[in-house]
């Protein structure tokens, strides 16, 4: 199993930016997909963005053009740069590591967008 620790959440005004980090306990070089998901109160967890070992990315339509996912294998860390934040981005953000034999989740970090 891989332990994942998210950080970087907080409160920000609409239009602001945050960068989330997800630090893994082991090398992520061979972990096929690293991703970010979020869950708002009363809603199901949803995909935000994923990135593969080859650098291919996938984004939810609601965040395209505003969020950017990246991975630094040397630092065993995945990032989510969030710009132009909206109140509807308010949620707990979770990091996920997935391969054929792995499906690990972090504990989540709260992001609140409010004026």
C-alpha atoms as a PDB file:
ATOM      1  CA  UNK A   1       0.000   0.000   0.000  1.00  0.00           C
ATOM      2  CA  UNK A   2       0.971   3.604  -0.511  1.00  0.00           C
ATOM      3  CA  UNK A   3       0.361   6.262   2.079  1.00  0.00           C
ATOM      4  CA  UNK A   4      -0.725   9.587   0.612  1.00  0.00           C
ATOM      5  CA  UNK A   5      -0.718  12.884   2.488  1.00  0.00           C
ATOM      6  CA  UNK A   6      -2.440  15.915   1.001  1.00  0.00           C
ATOM      7  CA  UNK A   7      -1.628  19.489   1.911  1.00  0.00           C
ATOM      8  CA  UNK A   8      -2.188  23.005   0.627  1.00  0.00           C
ATOM      9  CA  UNK A   9      -5.897  23.367   1.211  1.00  0.00           C
ATOM     10  CA  UNK A  10      -7.439  26.409   2.807  1.00  0.00           C
ATOM     11  CA  UNK A  11      -9.844  29.283   2.363  1.00  0.00           C
ATOM     12  CA  UNK A  12      -9.634  31.620  -0.604  1.00  0.00           C
ATOM     13  CA  UNK A  13     -11.798  34.241  -2.256  1.00  0.00           C
ATOM     14  CA  UNK A  14     -13.407  33.638  -5.650  1.00  0.00           C
ATOM     15  CA  UNK A  15     -10.859  34.163  -8.392  1.00  0.00           C
ATOM     16  CA  UNK A  16      -7.992  33.139  -6.139  1.00  0.00           C
ATOM     17  CA  UNK A  17      -5.504  30.302  -6.452  1.00  0.00           C
ATOM     18  CA  UNK A  18      -4.279  27.371  -4.395  1.00  0.00           C
ATOM     19  CA  UNK A  19      -1.777  24.606  -5.016  1.00  0.00           C
ATOM     20  CA  UNK A  20      -2.466  21.219  -3.503  1.00  0.00           C
ATOM     21  CA  UNK A  21       0.301  18.709  -2.908  1.00  0.00           C
ATOM     22  CA  UNK A  22       0.081  14.962  -2.433  1.00  0.00           C
ATOM     23  CA  UNK A  23       3.164  13.342  -0.943  1.00  0.00           C
ATOM     24  CA  UNK A  24       3.524   9.577  -1.320  1.00  0.00           C
ATOM     25  CA  UNK A  25       5.333   7.261   1.070  1.00  0.00           C
ATOM     26  CA  UNK A  26       6.984   5.353  -1.772  1.00  0.00           C
ATOM     27  CA  UNK A  27       8.161   6.041  -5.287  1.00  0.00           C
ATOM     28  CA  UNK A  28       5.346   6.957  -7.655  1.00  0.00           C
ATOM     29  CA  UNK A  29       7.454   6.337 -10.747  1.00  0.00           C
ATOM     30  CA  UNK A  30       5.654   3.112 -11.595  1.00  0.00           C
ATOM     31  CA  UNK A  31       2.205   4.010 -10.307  1.00  0.00           C
ATOM     32  CA  UNK A  32       0.148   4.167 -13.470  1.00  0.00           C
ATOM     33  CA  UNK A  33      -2.386   6.813 -12.515  1.00  0.00           C
ATOM     34  CA  UNK A  34      -2.207   9.529  -9.892  1.00  0.00           C
ATOM     35  CA  UNK A  35      -5.300  11.625  -9.466  1.00  0.00           C
ATOM     36  CA  UNK A  36      -7.253  14.207  -7.573  1.00  0.00           C
ATOM     37  CA  UNK A  37     -10.892  13.777  -6.632  1.00  0.00           C
ATOM     38  CA  UNK A  38     -13.212  15.970  -4.596  1.00  0.00           C
ATOM     39  CA  UNK A  39     -16.330  15.589  -2.534  1.00  0.00           C
ATOM     40  CA  UNK A  40     -18.651  18.440  -1.641  1.00  0.00           C
ATOM     41  CA  UNK A  41     -21.133  18.170   1.233  1.00  0.00           C
ATOM     42  CA  UNK A  42     -24.087  16.006   0.259  1.00  0.00           C
ATOM     43  CA  UNK A  43     -22.530  15.011  -3.057  1.00  0.00           C
ATOM     44  CA  UNK A  44     -20.677  12.003  -4.396  1.00  0.00           C
ATOM     45  CA  UNK A  45     -16.926  12.005  -4.818  1.00  0.00           C
ATOM     46  CA  UNK A  46     -16.015  13.108  -8.323  1.00  0.00           C
ATOM     47  CA  UNK A  47     -12.976  13.079 -10.538  1.00  0.00           C
ATOM     48  CA  UNK A  48     -11.049  16.335 -10.802  1.00  0.00           C
ATOM     49  CA  UNK A  49      -7.925  15.363 -12.722  1.00  0.00           C
ATOM     50  CA  UNK A  50      -5.612  12.419 -13.389  1.00  0.00           C
ATOM     51  CA  UNK A  51      -2.122  11.993 -14.758  1.00  0.00           C
ATOM     52  CA  UNK A  52      -0.469   8.814 -15.995  1.00  0.00           C
ATOM     53  CA  UNK A  53       3.145   7.687 -15.862  1.00  0.00           C
ATOM     54  CA  UNK A  54       3.441   8.880 -19.437  1.00  0.00           C
ATOM     55  CA  UNK A  55       2.245  12.345 -18.522  1.00  0.00           C
ATOM     56  CA  UNK A  56      -1.169  12.044 -20.118  1.00  0.00           C
ATOM     57  CA  UNK A  57      -3.719  14.159 -18.290  1.00  0.00           C
ATOM     58  CA  UNK A  58      -7.475  14.098 -17.969  1.00  0.00           C
ATOM     59  CA  UNK A  59      -9.681  16.783 -16.448  1.00  0.00           C
ATOM     60  CA  UNK A  60     -13.285  17.175 -15.432  1.00  0.00           C
ATOM     61  CA  UNK A  61     -15.048  19.579 -17.756  1.00  0.00           C
ATOM     62  CA  UNK A  62     -15.786  21.883 -14.832  1.00  0.00           C
ATOM     63  CA  UNK A  63     -12.080  22.527 -14.164  1.00  0.00           C
ATOM     64  CA  UNK A  64     -10.579  22.476 -17.665  1.00  0.00           C
ATOM     65  CA  UNK A  65      -8.527  25.572 -18.327  1.00  0.00           C
ATOM     66  CA  UNK A  66      -8.371  26.452 -14.616  1.00  0.00           C
ATOM     67  CA  UNK A  67      -6.673  23.493 -12.922  1.00  0.00           C
ATOM     68  CA  UNK A  68      -3.392  21.805 -13.810  1.00  0.00           C
ATOM     69  CA  UNK A  69      -2.195  18.448 -12.508  1.00  0.00           C
ATOM     70  CA  UNK A  70       1.481  17.531 -12.476  1.00  0.00           C
ATOM     71  CA  UNK A  71       3.718  14.907 -10.944  1.00  0.00           C
ATOM     72  CA  UNK A  72       7.306  15.042  -9.720  1.00  0.00           C
ATOM     73  CA  UNK A  73       8.500  11.454  -9.508  1.00  0.00           C
ATOM     74  CA  UNK A  74      11.771  12.432  -7.836  1.00  0.00           C
ATOM     75  CA  UNK A  75       9.878  14.131  -5.007  1.00  0.00           C
ATOM     76  CA  UNK A  76       7.182  11.430  -4.914  1.00  0.00           C
ATOM     77  CA  UNK A  77       4.625  14.208  -5.142  1.00  0.00           C
ATOM     78  CA  UNK A  78       1.625  15.090  -7.253  1.00  0.00           C
ATOM     79  CA  UNK A  79       0.367  18.644  -7.480  1.00  0.00           C
ATOM     80  CA  UNK A  80      -2.897  20.312  -8.381  1.00  0.00           C
ATOM     81  CA  UNK A  81      -2.602  23.973  -9.309  1.00  0.00           C
ATOM     82  CA  UNK A  82      -6.017  25.582  -9.012  1.00  0.00           C
ATOM     83  CA  UNK A  83      -6.599  29.007 -10.519  1.00  0.00           C
ATOM     84  CA  UNK A  84      -9.707  31.153 -10.955  1.00  0.00           C
ATOM     85  CA  UNK A  85     -11.375  29.323  -8.111  1.00  0.00           C
ATOM     86  CA  UNK A  86     -15.146  29.424  -7.844  1.00  0.00           C
ATOM     87  CA  UNK A  87     -17.468  28.820  -4.879  1.00  0.00           C
ATOM     88  CA  UNK A  88     -18.559  25.567  -6.524  1.00  0.00           C
ATOM     89  CA  UNK A  89     -14.979  24.294  -6.189  1.00  0.00           C
ATOM     90  CA  UNK A  90     -15.516  24.104  -2.417  1.00  0.00           C
ATOM     91  CA  UNK A  91     -14.963  20.508  -1.355  1.00  0.00           C
ATOM     92  CA  UNK A  92     -12.634  18.087   0.344  1.00  0.00           C
ATOM     93  CA  UNK A  93      -9.937  17.164  -2.167  1.00  0.00           C
ATOM     94  CA  UNK A  94      -8.510  13.639  -2.115  1.00  0.00           C
ATOM     95  CA  UNK A  95      -5.399  12.227  -3.720  1.00  0.00           C
ATOM     96  CA  UNK A  96      -5.529   8.771  -5.324  1.00  0.00           C
ATOM     97  CA  UNK A  97      -2.872   6.346  -6.521  1.00  0.00           C
ATOM     98  CA  UNK A  98      -4.005   3.541  -8.803  1.00  0.00           C
ATOM     99  CA  UNK A  99      -2.449   0.668 -10.710  1.00  0.00           C
ATOM    100  CA  UNK A 100      -3.352  -2.934 -11.445  1.00  0.00           C
ATOM    101  CA  UNK A 101      -2.647  -3.905  -7.830  1.00  0.00           C
ATOM    102  CA  UNK A 102      -3.134  -0.638  -6.020  1.00  0.00           C
ATOM    103  CA  UNK A 103      -5.914   1.775  -5.106  1.00  0.00           C
ATOM    104  CA  UNK A 104      -4.879   4.097  -2.286  1.00  0.00           C
ATOM    105  CA  UNK A 105      -6.458   7.286  -0.978  1.00  0.00           C
ATOM    106  CA  UNK A 106      -5.254  10.138   1.155  1.00  0.00           C
ATOM    107  CA  UNK A 107      -7.192  11.620   4.042  1.00  0.00           C
ATOM    108  CA  UNK A 108      -8.238  14.716   2.122  1.00  0.00           C
ATOM    109  CA  UNK A 109      -7.693  18.448   2.408  1.00  0.00           C
ATOM    110  CA  UNK A 110     -10.441  21.053   2.646  1.00  0.00           C
ATOM    111  CA  UNK A 111     -10.740  23.779   0.021  1.00  0.00           C
ATOM    112  CA  UNK A 112     -13.216  26.569   0.689  1.00  0.00           C
ATOM    113  CA  UNK A 113     -13.930  29.295  -1.849  1.00  0.00           C
ATOM    114  CA  UNK A 114     -15.996  32.090  -0.406  1.00  0.00           C
ATOM    115  CA  UNK A 115     -16.183  35.856  -0.308  1.00  0.00           C
END
